[in-house]
PDB file of N, CA and C in Angstrom:
ATOM      1  N   MET A   1      77.630 105.726  85.435  1.00  0.00           N
ATOM      2  CA  MET A   1      77.930 104.398  85.978  1.00  0.00           C
ATOM      3  C   MET A   1      77.713 103.333  84.837  1.00  0.00           C
ATOM      4  N   ASN A   2      76.592 103.446  84.214  1.00  0.00           N
ATOM      5  CA  ASN A   2      76.279 102.481  83.155  1.00  0.00           C
ATOM      6  C   ASN A   2      77.326 102.437  82.037  1.00  0.00           C
ATOM      7  N   ASP A   3      77.872 103.628  81.687  1.00  0.00           N
ATOM      8  CA  ASP A   3      78.929 103.684  80.711  1.00  0.00           C
ATOM      9  C   ASP A   3      80.169 102.965  81.152  1.00  0.00           C
ATOM     10  N   LEU A   4      80.538 103.147  82.435  1.00  0.00           N
ATOM     11  CA  LEU A   4      81.712 102.431  82.931  1.00  0.00           C
ATOM     12  C   LEU A   4      81.500 100.941  83.050  1.00  0.00           C
ATOM     13  N   VAL A   5      80.296 100.559  83.460  1.00  0.00           N
ATOM     14  CA  VAL A   5      79.970  99.096  83.538  1.00  0.00           C
ATOM     15  C   VAL A   5      80.117  98.493  82.164  1.00  0.00           C
ATOM     16  N   ARG A   6      79.552  99.145  81.157  1.00  0.00           N
ATOM     17  CA  ARG A   6      79.594  98.642  79.776  1.00  0.00           C
ATOM     18  C   ARG A   6      81.032  98.596  79.229  1.00  0.00           C
ATOM     19  N   GLN A   7      81.799  99.663  79.439  1.00  0.00           N
ATOM     20  CA  GLN A   7      83.152  99.740  78.868  1.00  0.00           C
ATOM     21  C   GLN A   7      84.144  98.816  79.598  1.00  0.00           C
ATOM     22  N   LEU A   8      83.967  98.580  80.933  1.00  0.00           N
ATOM     23  CA  LEU A   8      84.884  97.740  81.643  1.00  0.00           C
ATOM     24  C   LEU A   8      84.454  96.292  81.661  1.00  0.00           C
ATOM     25  N   GLY A   9      83.199  96.027  81.307  1.00  0.00           N
ATOM     26  CA  GLY A   9      82.728  94.661  81.330  1.00  0.00           C
ATOM     27  C   GLY A   9      82.636  94.063  82.699  1.00  0.00           C
ATOM     28  N   LEU A  10      82.436  94.924  83.724  1.00  0.00           N
ATOM     29  CA  LEU A  10      82.296  94.478  85.111  1.00  0.00           C
ATOM     30  C   LEU A  10      80.840  94.663  85.546  1.00  0.00           C
ATOM     31  N   ALA A  11      80.488  93.977  86.583  1.00  0.00           N
ATOM     32  CA  ALA A  11      79.164  94.168  87.170  1.00  0.00           C
ATOM     33  C   ALA A  11      79.139  95.510  87.885  1.00  0.00           C
ATOM     34  N   GLN A  12      77.936  96.113  87.966  1.00  0.00           N
ATOM     35  CA  GLN A  12      77.762  97.415  88.586  1.00  0.00           C
ATOM     36  C   GLN A  12      78.298  97.455  90.018  1.00  0.00           C
ATOM     37  N   PRO A  13      78.029  96.420  90.851  1.00  0.00           N
ATOM     38  CA  PRO A  13      78.575  96.505  92.216  1.00  0.00           C
ATOM     39  C   PRO A  13      80.107  96.596  92.214  1.00  0.00           C
ATOM     40  N   GLN A  14      80.775  95.896  91.308  1.00  0.00           N
ATOM     41  CA  GLN A  14      82.265  95.945  91.227  1.00  0.00           C
ATOM     42  C   GLN A  14      82.742  97.367  90.871  1.00  0.00           C
ATOM     43  N   VAL A  15      82.079  97.956  89.890  1.00  0.00           N
ATOM     44  CA  VAL A  15      82.441  99.282  89.493  1.00  0.00           C
ATOM     45  C   VAL A  15      82.249 100.271  90.634  1.00  0.00           C
ATOM     46  N   SER A  16      81.107 100.168  91.290  1.00  0.00           N
ATOM     47  CA  SER A  16      80.795 100.993  92.458  1.00  0.00           C
ATOM     48  C   SER A  16      81.850 100.891  93.543  1.00  0.00           C
ATOM     49  N   LYS A  17      82.256  99.626  93.828  1.00  0.00           N
ATOM     50  CA  LYS A  17      83.293  99.397  94.874  1.00  0.00           C
ATOM     51  C   LYS A  17      84.623 100.083  94.419  1.00  0.00           C
ATOM     52  N   HIS A  18      85.033  99.896  93.216  1.00  0.00           N
ATOM     53  CA  HIS A  18      86.254 100.505  92.757  1.00  0.00           C
ATOM     54  C   HIS A  18      86.232 101.995  92.834  1.00  0.00           C
ATOM     55  N   LEU A  19      85.145 102.579  92.405  1.00  0.00           N
ATOM     56  CA  LEU A  19      84.988 104.017  92.477  1.00  0.00           C
ATOM     57  C   LEU A  19      85.054 104.496  93.919  1.00  0.00           C
ATOM     58  N   ARG A  20      84.403 103.752  94.788  1.00  0.00           N
ATOM     59  CA  ARG A  20      84.417 104.177  96.174  1.00  0.00           C
ATOM     60  C   ARG A  20      85.827 104.228  96.721  1.00  0.00           C
ATOM     61  N   VAL A  21      86.608 103.162  96.417  1.00  0.00           N
ATOM     62  CA  VAL A  21      87.973 103.115  96.884  1.00  0.00           C
ATOM     63  C   VAL A  21      88.808 104.205  96.256  1.00  0.00           C
ATOM     64  N   LEU A  22      88.644 104.456  94.951  1.00  0.00           N
ATOM     65  CA  LEU A  22      89.337 105.570  94.333  1.00  0.00           C
ATOM     66  C   LEU A  22      88.987 106.903  94.930  1.00  0.00           C
ATOM     67  N   ARG A  23      87.697 107.058  95.277  1.00  0.00           N
ATOM     68  CA  ARG A  23      87.288 108.327  95.896  1.00  0.00           C
ATOM     69  C   ARG A  23      87.872 108.491  97.264  1.00  0.00           C
ATOM     70  N   GLU A  24      87.905 107.395  98.073  1.00  0.00           N
ATOM     71  CA  GLU A  24      88.426 107.402  99.384  1.00  0.00           C
ATOM     72  C   GLU A  24      89.929 107.787  99.467  1.00  0.00           C
ATOM     73  N   VAL A  25      90.661 107.334  98.469  1.00  0.00           N
ATOM     74  CA  VAL A  25      92.094 107.624  98.446  1.00  0.00           C
ATOM     75  C   VAL A  25      92.372 108.967  97.653  1.00  0.00           C
ATOM     76  N   GLY A  26      91.364 109.561  97.136  1.00  0.00           N
ATOM     77  CA  GLY A  26      91.519 110.866  96.518  1.00  0.00           C
ATOM     78  C   GLY A  26      91.897 110.843  95.039  1.00  0.00           C
ATOM     79  N   VAL A  27      91.840 109.654  94.363  1.00  0.00           N
ATOM     80  CA  VAL A  27      92.256 109.574  93.007  1.00  0.00           C
ATOM     81  C   VAL A  27      91.135 110.139  92.109  1.00  0.00           C
ATOM     82  N   VAL A  28      89.871 110.007  92.482  1.00  0.00           N
ATOM     83  CA  VAL A  28      88.832 110.614  91.750  1.00  0.00           C
ATOM     84  C   VAL A  28      88.044 111.513  92.670  1.00  0.00           C
ATOM     85  N   ASP A  29      87.473 112.545  92.071  1.00  0.00           N
ATOM     86  CA  ASP A  29      86.535 113.430  92.781  1.00  0.00           C
ATOM     87  C   ASP A  29      85.137 113.135  92.263  1.00  0.00           C
ATOM     88  N   VAL A  30      84.138 113.323  93.041  1.00  0.00           N
ATOM     89  CA  VAL A  30      82.715 113.107  92.595  1.00  0.00           C
ATOM     90  C   VAL A  30      81.907 114.283  92.980  1.00  0.00           C
ATOM     91  N   ARG A  31      81.023 114.584  92.042  1.00  0.00           N
ATOM     92  CA  ARG A  31      79.972 115.605  92.425  1.00  0.00           C
ATOM     93  C   ARG A  31      78.633 115.077  91.888  1.00  0.00           C
ATOM     94  N   GLU A  32      77.647 115.474  92.669  1.00  0.00           N
ATOM     95  CA  GLU A  32      76.290 114.970  92.280  1.00  0.00           C
ATOM     96  C   GLU A  32      75.624 116.041  91.470  1.00  0.00           C
ATOM     97  N   GLN A  33      75.009 115.592  90.420  1.00  0.00           N
ATOM     98  CA  GLN A  33      74.196 116.479  89.543  1.00  0.00           C
ATOM     99  C   GLN A  33      72.878 115.764  89.328  1.00  0.00           C
ATOM    100  N   GLY A  34      71.906 116.218  90.092  1.00  0.00           N
ATOM    101  CA  GLY A  34      70.593 115.548  90.064  1.00  0.00           C
ATOM    102  C   GLY A  34      70.709 114.129  90.591  1.00  0.00           C
ATOM    103  N   ARG A  35      70.332 113.173  89.816  1.00  0.00           N
ATOM    104  CA  ARG A  35      70.455 111.796  90.209  1.00  0.00           C
ATOM    105  C   ARG A  35      71.696 111.144  89.790  1.00  0.00           C
ATOM    106  N   GLN A  36      72.564 111.911  89.111  1.00  0.00           N
ATOM    107  CA  GLN A  36      73.845 111.378  88.606  1.00  0.00           C
ATOM    108  C   GLN A  36      74.967 111.753  89.498  1.00  0.00           C
ATOM    109  N   ARG A  37      75.947 110.868  89.483  1.00  0.00           N
ATOM    110  CA  ARG A  37      77.237 111.188  90.142  1.00  0.00           C
ATOM    111  C   ARG A  37      78.249 111.330  89.033  1.00  0.00           C
ATOM    112  N   LEU A  38      78.921 112.439  88.966  1.00  0.00           N
ATOM    113  CA  LEU A  38      79.946 112.658  87.963  1.00  0.00           C
ATOM    114  C   LEU A  38      81.308 112.538  88.563  1.00  0.00           C
ATOM    115  N   TYR A  39      82.137 111.608  88.032  1.00  0.00           N
ATOM    116  CA  TYR A  39      83.462 111.336  88.513  1.00  0.00           C
ATOM    117  C   TYR A  39      84.487 112.015  87.630  1.00  0.00           C
ATOM    118  N   ARG A  40      85.503 112.533  88.277  1.00  0.00           N
ATOM    119  CA  ARG A  40      86.599 113.217  87.603  1.00  0.00           C
ATOM    120  C   ARG A  40      87.951 112.739  88.168  1.00  0.00           C
ATOM    121  N   LEU A  41      88.867 112.394  87.309  1.00  0.00           N
ATOM    122  CA  LEU A  41      90.198 111.999  87.758  1.00  0.00           C
ATOM    123  C   LEU A  41      90.916 113.157  88.388  1.00  0.00           C
ATOM    124  N   ASN A  42      91.551 112.862  89.513  1.00  0.00           N
ATOM    125  CA  ASN A  42      92.384 113.928  90.227  1.00  0.00           C
ATOM    126  C   ASN A  42      93.839 113.565  89.931  1.00  0.00           C
ATOM    127  N   GLY A  43      94.403 114.173  88.891  1.00  0.00           N
ATOM    128  CA  GLY A  43      95.716 113.931  88.480  1.00  0.00           C
ATOM    129  C   GLY A  43      96.757 114.253  89.533  1.00  0.00           C
ATOM    130  N   HIS A  44      96.520 115.200  90.316  1.00  0.00           N
ATOM    131  CA  HIS A  44      97.473 115.526  91.452  1.00  0.00           C
ATOM    132  C   HIS A  44      97.726 114.374  92.402  1.00  0.00           C
ATOM    133  N   ALA A  45      96.650 113.554  92.615  1.00  0.00           N
ATOM    134  CA  ALA A  45      96.807 112.415  93.486  1.00  0.00           C
ATOM    135  C   ALA A  45      97.649 111.320  92.868  1.00  0.00           C
ATOM    136  N   LEU A  46      97.798 111.299  91.546  1.00  0.00           N
ATOM    137  CA  LEU A  46      98.592 110.315  90.888  1.00  0.00           C
ATOM    138  C   LEU A  46     100.059 110.690  90.756  1.00  0.00           C
ATOM    139  N   LYS A  47     100.407 111.936  91.019  1.00  0.00           N
ATOM    140  CA  LYS A  47     101.773 112.388  90.905  1.00  0.00           C
ATOM    141  C   LYS A  47     102.778 111.593  91.716  1.00  0.00           C
ATOM    142  N   PRO A  48     102.495 111.277  93.002  1.00  0.00           N
ATOM    143  CA  PRO A  48     103.458 110.450  93.748  1.00  0.00           C
ATOM    144  C   PRO A  48     103.727 109.122  93.112  1.00  0.00           C
ATOM    145  N   ILE A  49     102.698 108.484  92.488  1.00  0.00           N
ATOM    146  CA  ILE A  49     102.881 107.209  91.834  1.00  0.00           C
ATOM    147  C   ILE A  49     103.718 107.425  90.609  1.00  0.00           C
ATOM    148  N   HIS A  50     103.429 108.465  89.844  1.00  0.00           N
ATOM    149  CA  HIS A  50     104.235 108.764  88.650  1.00  0.00           C
ATOM    150  C   HIS A  50     105.679 108.964  88.998  1.00  0.00           C
ATOM    151  N   ASP A  51     105.927 109.755  90.056  1.00  0.00           N
ATOM    152  CA  ASP A  51     107.309 110.024  90.449  1.00  0.00           C
ATOM    153  C   ASP A  51     108.058 108.747  90.917  1.00  0.00           C
ATOM    154  N   TRP A  52     107.360 107.914  91.584  1.00  0.00           N
ATOM    155  CA  TRP A  52     107.938 106.651  92.060  1.00  0.00           C
ATOM    156  C   TRP A  52     108.296 105.758  90.849  1.00  0.00           C
ATOM    157  N   VAL A  53     107.347 105.593  89.901  1.00  0.00           N
ATOM    158  CA  VAL A  53     107.593 104.766  88.735  1.00  0.00           C
ATOM    159  C   VAL A  53     108.714 105.318  87.882  1.00  0.00           C
ATOM    160  N   LYS A  54     108.783 106.689  87.790  1.00  0.00           N
ATOM    161  CA  LYS A  54     109.825 107.304  86.957  1.00  0.00           C
ATOM    162  C   LYS A  54     111.161 106.915  87.417  1.00  0.00           C
ATOM    163  N   ASN A  55     111.322 106.674  88.756  1.00  0.00           N
ATOM    164  CA  ASN A  55     112.668 106.274  89.261  1.00  0.00           C
ATOM    165  C   ASN A  55     113.099 104.908  88.702  1.00  0.00           C
ATOM    166  N   TYR A  56     112.223 104.056  88.317  1.00  0.00           N
ATOM    167  CA  TYR A  56     112.496 102.774  87.841  1.00  0.00           C
ATOM    168  C   TYR A  56     112.457 102.654  86.316  1.00  0.00           C
ATOM    169  N   GLU A  57     112.017 103.678  85.638  1.00  0.00           N
ATOM    170  CA  GLU A  57     111.813 103.632  84.203  1.00  0.00           C
ATOM    171  C   GLU A  57     113.099 103.317  83.447  1.00  0.00           C
ATOM    172  N   ARG A  58     114.203 103.910  83.822  1.00  0.00           N
ATOM    173  CA  ARG A  58     115.491 103.675  83.139  1.00  0.00           C
ATOM    174  C   ARG A  58     115.898 102.223  83.336  1.00  0.00           C
ATOM    175  N   SER A  59     115.793 101.688  84.548  1.00  0.00           N
ATOM    176  CA  SER A  59     116.160 100.351  84.810  1.00  0.00           C
ATOM    177  C   SER A  59     115.296  99.353  84.059  1.00  0.00           C
ATOM    178  N   TRP A  60     114.005  99.586  84.003  1.00  0.00           N
ATOM    179  CA  TRP A  60     113.091  98.746  83.234  1.00  0.00           C
ATOM    180  C   TRP A  60     113.399  98.787  81.768  1.00  0.00           C
ATOM    181  N   SER A  61     113.677  99.982  81.257  1.00  0.00           N
ATOM    182  CA  SER A  61     113.972 100.126  79.794  1.00  0.00           C
ATOM    183  C   SER A  61     115.264  99.310  79.443  1.00  0.00           C
ATOM    184  N   GLU A  62     116.251  99.372  80.298  1.00  0.00           N
ATOM    185  CA  GLU A  62     117.505  98.700  80.080  1.00  0.00           C
ATOM    186  C   GLU A  62     117.223  97.159  80.117  1.00  0.00           C
ATOM    187  N   ARG A  63     116.464  96.750  81.038  1.00  0.00           N
ATOM    188  CA  ARG A  63     116.177  95.314  81.164  1.00  0.00           C
ATOM    189  C   ARG A  63     115.344  94.779  79.957  1.00  0.00           C
ATOM    190  N   PHE A  64     114.377  95.584  79.511  1.00  0.00           N
ATOM    191  CA  PHE A  64     113.591  95.218  78.310  1.00  0.00           C
ATOM    192  C   PHE A  64     114.458  95.211  77.069  1.00  0.00           C
ATOM    193  N   ASP A  65     115.412  96.076  76.954  1.00  0.00           N
ATOM    194  CA  ASP A  65     116.391  96.078  75.843  1.00  0.00           C
ATOM    195  C   ASP A  65     117.194  94.791  75.880  1.00  0.00           C
ATOM    196  N   GLN A  66     117.646  94.378  77.072  1.00  0.00           N
ATOM    197  CA  GLN A  66     118.406  93.179  77.228  1.00  0.00           C
ATOM    198  C   GLN A  66     117.537  91.933  76.847  1.00  0.00           C
ATOM    199  N   LEU A  67     116.261  91.995  77.267  1.00  0.00           N
ATOM    200  CA  LEU A  67     115.365  90.967  77.002  1.00  0.00           C
ATOM    201  C   LEU A  67     115.151  90.773  75.486  1.00  0.00           C
ATOM    202  N   ASP A  68     115.039  91.902  74.805  1.00  0.00           N
ATOM    203  CA  ASP A  68     114.915  91.953  73.352  1.00  0.00           C
ATOM    204  C   ASP A  68     116.130  91.198  72.675  1.00  0.00           C
ATOM    205  N   VAL A  69     117.260  91.443  73.144  1.00  0.00           N
ATOM    206  CA  VAL A  69     118.506  90.841  72.566  1.00  0.00           C
ATOM    207  C   VAL A  69     118.440  89.321  72.786  1.00  0.00           C
ATOM    208  N   VAL A  70     118.049  88.911  73.996  1.00  0.00           N
ATOM    209  CA  VAL A  70     117.945  87.461  74.270  1.00  0.00           C
ATOM    210  C   VAL A  70     116.856  86.838  73.409  1.00  0.00           C
ATOM    211  N   LEU A  71     115.769  87.494  73.291  1.00  0.00           N
ATOM    212  CA  LEU A  71     114.663  86.849  72.454  1.00  0.00           C
ATOM    213  C   LEU A  71     115.057  86.817  70.986  1.00  0.00           C
ATOM    214  N   GLU A  72     115.739  87.754  70.534  1.00  0.00           N
ATOM    215  CA  GLU A  72     116.220  87.740  69.099  1.00  0.00           C
ATOM    216  C   GLU A  72     117.226  86.591  68.920  1.00  0.00           C
ATOM    217  N   ASP A  73     118.142  86.402  69.879  1.00  0.00           N
ATOM    218  CA  ASP A  73     119.069  85.305  69.765  1.00  0.00           C
ATOM    219  C   ASP A  73     118.317  83.925  69.754  1.00  0.00           C
ATOM    220  N   LEU A  74     117.360  83.814  70.650  1.00  0.00           N
ATOM    221  CA  LEU A  74     116.589  82.558  70.678  1.00  0.00           C
ATOM    222  C   LEU A  74     115.892  82.348  69.369  1.00  0.00           C
ATOM    223  N   LYS A  75     115.323  83.395  68.849  1.00  0.00           N
ATOM    224  CA  LYS A  75     114.520  83.282  67.556  1.00  0.00           C
ATOM    225  C   LYS A  75     115.480  82.874  66.439  1.00  0.00           C
ATOM    226  N   ARG A  76     116.719  83.460  66.378  1.00  0.00           N
ATOM    227  CA  ARG A  76     117.697  83.045  65.352  1.00  0.00           C
ATOM    228  C   ARG A  76     118.092  81.583  65.492  1.00  0.00           C
ATOM    229  N   LYS A  77     118.312  81.150  66.764  1.00  0.00           N
ATOM    230  CA  LYS A  77     118.650  79.762  67.007  1.00  0.00           C
ATOM    231  C   LYS A  77     117.622  78.833  66.581  1.00  0.00           C
ATOM    232  N   GLU A  78     116.352  79.174  66.891  1.00  0.00           N
ATOM    233  CA  GLU A  78     115.212  78.355  66.478  1.00  0.00           C
ATOM    234  C   GLU A  78     115.119  78.229  64.974  1.00  0.00           C
ATOM    235  N   GLN A  79     115.323  79.356  64.283  1.00  0.00           N
ATOM    236  CA  GLN A  79     115.273  79.378  62.849  1.00  0.00           C
ATOM    237  C   GLN A  79     116.411  78.571  62.265  1.00  0.00           C
ATOM    238  N   GLY A  80     117.579  78.645  62.911  1.00  0.00           N
ATOM    239  CA  GLY A  80     118.756  77.814  62.433  1.00  0.00           C
ATOM    240  C   GLY A  80     118.468  76.372  62.623  1.00  0.00           C
ATOM    241  N   ASP A  81     117.893  75.980  63.753  1.00  0.00           N
ATOM    242  CA  ASP A  81     117.572  74.589  63.985  1.00  0.00           C
ATOM    243  C   ASP A  81     116.571  74.079  62.978  1.00  0.00           C
ATOM    244  N   ALA A  82     115.546  74.873  62.630  1.00  0.00           N
ATOM    245  CA  ALA A  82     114.586  74.499  61.680  1.00  0.00           C
ATOM    246  C   ALA A  82     115.190  74.309  60.244  1.00  0.00           C
ATOM    247  N   ASP A  83     116.186  75.208  59.944  1.00  0.00           N
ATOM    248  CA  ASP A  83     116.859  75.105  58.626  1.00  0.00           C
ATOM    249  C   ASP A  83     117.705  73.844  58.527  1.00  0.00           C
ATOM    250  N   ASP A  84     118.229  73.400  59.648  1.00  0.00           N
ATOM    251  CA  ASP A  84     119.108  72.200  59.675  1.00  0.00           C
ATOM    252  C   ASP A  84     118.364  70.912  59.423  1.00  0.00           C
ATOM    253  N   ARG A  85     117.049  70.941  59.560  1.00  0.00           N
ATOM    254  CA  ARG A  85     116.263  69.702  59.441  1.00  0.00           C
ATOM    255  C   ARG A  85     116.090  69.254  58.035  1.00  0.00           C
TER     256      ARG A  85
END
């Protein structure tokens, strides 16, 4: 827990709450070892999310490519305006 608190920069109660929620929905598994609780990511629980996102990946990639074109055009126009001064 202390490692997660330190790495995430969150308070211990916040980390505990997030871990509890992740455990309840099956995204992480926990086992107790003495006084420690060891958490492990359950990748199988993430597969439905991965599959859903994958359906939108192509669309997002195309839109980001279009955004790149627009941003490059704006950049060229700004540079052209600056050169005209």
